Each structure stands twice: as structure tokens, then as C-alpha cells.
Amino acid sequence: MMVPFIMVPIVNCAIGYFFVSMEIIHRLLMPCLGLRPDL
């Protein structure tokens, strides 16, 4: 019973960190890719 309670926050943190990192990378690359803002 302890495994789900431990894994759920870890998975949520991992997914949240993934989306946050992707958003940061996207914002950092936007100025560099000025000709391709759709990326």
C-alpha cells in the first residue's frame, strides 16, 4: 500500500519538472529561433 503513495508524488514531480523544463527551453530558444516562432 505504501508504494502507490510514494510513487504518485514522484511521478507528478517528474511530469511537472519535465513540462517546466520544456517551457524554459522553449522560452530560451524563442529569441534564437526568431525566424521560426512556430517551433
C-alpha atoms as a PDB file:
ATOM      1  CA  MET A   1       0.000   0.000   0.000  1.00  0.00           C
ATOM      2  CA  MET A   2       2.941   2.338   0.576  1.00  0.00           C
ATOM      3  CA  VAL A   3       4.307   2.088  -2.971  1.00  0.00           C
ATOM      4  CA  PRO A   4       1.446   3.986  -4.705  1.00  0.00           C
ATOM      5  CA  PHE A   5       1.539   6.786  -2.127  1.00  0.00           C
ATOM      6  CA  ILE A   6       5.289   7.131  -2.689  1.00  0.00           C
ATOM      7  CA  MET A   7       5.257   6.788  -6.478  1.00  0.00           C
ATOM      8  CA  VAL A   8       2.397   9.210  -7.211  1.00  0.00           C
ATOM      9  CA  PRO A   9       4.190  12.351  -5.909  1.00  0.00           C
ATOM     10  CA  ILE A  10       7.422  11.268  -7.632  1.00  0.00           C
ATOM     11  CA  VAL A  11       5.634  10.792 -10.956  1.00  0.00           C
ATOM     12  CA  ASN A  12       3.779  14.088 -10.559  1.00  0.00           C
ATOM     13  CA  CYS A  13       7.012  15.935  -9.734  1.00  0.00           C
ATOM     14  CA  ALA A  14       8.778  14.306 -12.677  1.00  0.00           C
ATOM     15  CA  ILE A  15       5.983  15.259 -15.099  1.00  0.00           C
ATOM     16  CA  GLY A  16       5.810  18.787 -13.687  1.00  0.00           C
ATOM     17  CA  TYR A  17       9.585  19.195 -13.903  1.00  0.00           C
ATOM     18  CA  PHE A  18       9.515  17.889 -17.490  1.00  0.00           C
ATOM     19  CA  PHE A  19       6.888  20.421 -18.612  1.00  0.00           C
ATOM     20  CA  VAL A  20       8.593  23.265 -16.707  1.00  0.00           C
ATOM     21  CA  SER A  21      11.965  22.427 -18.259  1.00  0.00           C
ATOM     22  CA  MET A  22      10.400  22.200 -21.717  1.00  0.00           C
ATOM     23  CA  GLU A  23       8.736  25.602 -21.195  1.00  0.00           C
ATOM     24  CA  ILE A  24      12.048  27.133 -20.065  1.00  0.00           C
ATOM     25  CA  ILE A  25      13.890  25.636 -23.036  1.00  0.00           C
ATOM     26  CA  HIS A  26      11.138  26.874 -25.367  1.00  0.00           C
ATOM     27  CA  ARG A  27      11.369  30.412 -23.949  1.00  0.00           C
ATOM     28  CA  LEU A  28      15.177  30.360 -24.149  1.00  0.00           C
ATOM     29  CA  LEU A  29      15.176  29.146 -27.758  1.00  0.00           C
ATOM     30  CA  MET A  30      12.454  31.522 -28.968  1.00  0.00           C
ATOM     31  CA  PRO A  31      14.808  34.561 -29.291  1.00  0.00           C
ATOM     32  CA  CYS A  32      17.432  32.394 -31.032  1.00  0.00           C
ATOM     33  CA  LEU A  33      14.863  30.982 -33.463  1.00  0.00           C
ATOM     34  CA  GLY A  34      13.352  34.337 -34.356  1.00  0.00           C
ATOM     35  CA  LEU A  35      12.704  33.168 -37.909  1.00  0.00           C
ATOM     36  CA  ARG A  36      10.782  30.106 -36.687  1.00  0.00           C
ATOM     37  CA  PRO A  37       8.493  31.233 -33.822  1.00  0.00           C
ATOM     38  CA  ASP A  38       6.120  28.333 -34.535  1.00  0.00           C
ATOM     39  CA  LEU A  39       8.682  25.925 -33.039  1.00  0.00           C
END
